[in-house]
Amino acid sequence: MLRLKEICAEKGIKYSAVSEATGITESRLCSIVRTGACQLKTLRKIAKALDVPLVKLFENTNHENYTYCPHCGKRIGLKFR
């Protein structure tokens, strides 16, 4: 699942600020938080607005090198550079 809500809370950033920085409506951001469904280019915009690497949006709490697809539940490996 995406960590968008968690990252915004940690950084004290409101969805309205992310919306303004990305051009994504607040209602769409809320939908992304609920469903985790969006395109990669949208995730890149969000990561840039939050000033975090893209992978941080997916990072799970046990810090393993994989996460799960929010659409199908399949495990996805992550490679760090």
Protein backbone atom coordinates (compact mmCIF):
# COMPACT_ATOMS: atom_id res chain seq x y z
CA MET A 1 0.00 0.00 0.00
CA LEU A 2 1.15 3.53 -0.66
CA ARG A 3 2.54 5.57 2.24
CA LEU A 4 1.24 8.90 0.96
CA LYS A 5 -0.93 9.63 4.00
CA GLU A 6 1.86 8.62 6.39
CA ILE A 7 4.52 10.71 4.63
CA CYS A 8 2.26 13.77 4.52
CA ALA A 9 1.60 13.41 8.25
CA GLU A 10 5.32 12.97 9.04
CA LYS A 11 6.25 16.07 7.05
CA GLY A 12 3.26 18.14 8.12
CA ILE A 13 2.15 18.58 4.51
CA LYS A 14 -1.52 18.90 3.63
CA TYR A 15 -3.06 17.31 0.55
CA SER A 16 -3.88 20.82 -0.71
CA ALA A 17 -0.14 21.61 -0.90
CA VAL A 18 0.57 18.34 -2.74
CA SER A 19 -2.34 19.09 -5.05
CA GLU A 20 -1.01 22.54 -5.83
CA ALA A 21 2.52 21.27 -6.45
CA THR A 22 1.44 18.39 -8.69
CA GLY A 23 -1.67 19.64 -10.44
CA ILE A 24 -3.57 16.62 -9.11
CA THR A 25 -6.91 17.43 -7.50
CA GLU A 26 -7.35 16.83 -3.79
CA SER A 27 -10.19 14.40 -4.49
CA ARG A 28 -7.88 12.40 -6.79
CA LEU A 29 -5.17 12.37 -4.11
CA CYS A 30 -7.69 11.05 -1.58
CA SER A 31 -8.67 8.36 -4.06
CA ILE A 32 -5.02 7.41 -4.54
CA VAL A 33 -4.57 7.16 -0.76
CA ARG A 34 -7.65 4.90 -0.47
CA THR A 35 -7.01 2.65 -3.46
CA GLY A 36 -3.31 2.97 -4.23
CA ALA A 37 -4.29 3.11 -7.90
CA CYS A 38 -2.51 5.58 -10.16
CA GLN A 39 -0.02 5.79 -12.97
CA LEU A 40 3.73 5.82 -12.45
CA LYS A 41 4.03 9.37 -13.78
CA THR A 42 1.53 10.47 -11.11
CA LEU A 43 3.58 8.76 -8.41
CA ARG A 44 6.69 10.53 -9.67
CA LYS A 45 4.94 13.90 -9.36
CA ILE A 46 3.81 13.08 -5.84
CA ALA A 47 7.27 11.90 -4.76
CA LYS A 48 8.82 15.07 -6.15
CA ALA A 49 6.25 17.26 -4.36
CA LEU A 50 6.96 15.43 -1.08
CA ASP A 51 10.73 15.55 -1.68
CA VAL A 52 11.14 11.79 -1.23
CA PRO A 53 12.53 9.11 -3.53
CA LEU A 54 9.79 7.29 -5.45
CA VAL A 55 10.55 4.05 -3.62
CA LYS A 56 9.66 5.69 -0.27
CA LEU A 57 6.02 5.83 -1.38
CA PHE A 58 6.05 2.02 -1.40
CA GLU A 59 8.38 1.22 1.45
CA ASN A 60 6.84 -1.24 3.88
CA THR A 61 7.34 -1.02 7.63
CA ASN A 62 9.53 -4.11 7.94
CA HIS A 63 12.15 -2.58 5.56
CA GLU A 64 12.35 -5.61 3.31
CA ASN A 65 13.38 -5.23 -0.32
CA TYR A 66 9.90 -5.79 -1.69
CA THR A 67 6.38 -4.47 -1.49
CA TYR A 68 3.03 -5.58 -2.86
CA CYS A 69 1.15 -4.32 -5.91
CA PRO A 70 -1.98 -2.45 -4.76
CA HIS A 71 -3.86 -3.80 -7.79
CA CYS A 72 -3.15 -7.54 -7.85
CA GLY A 73 -1.35 -8.14 -4.55
CA LYS A 74 1.70 -9.62 -6.29
CA ARG A 75 5.04 -9.13 -4.54
CA ILE A 76 7.31 -6.58 -6.25
CA GLY A 77 11.05 -6.55 -5.66
CA LEU A 78 12.75 -3.20 -5.04
CA LYS A 79 16.33 -2.43 -6.00
CA PHE A 80 18.13 0.41 -4.27
CA ARG A 81 20.97 2.30 -5.93
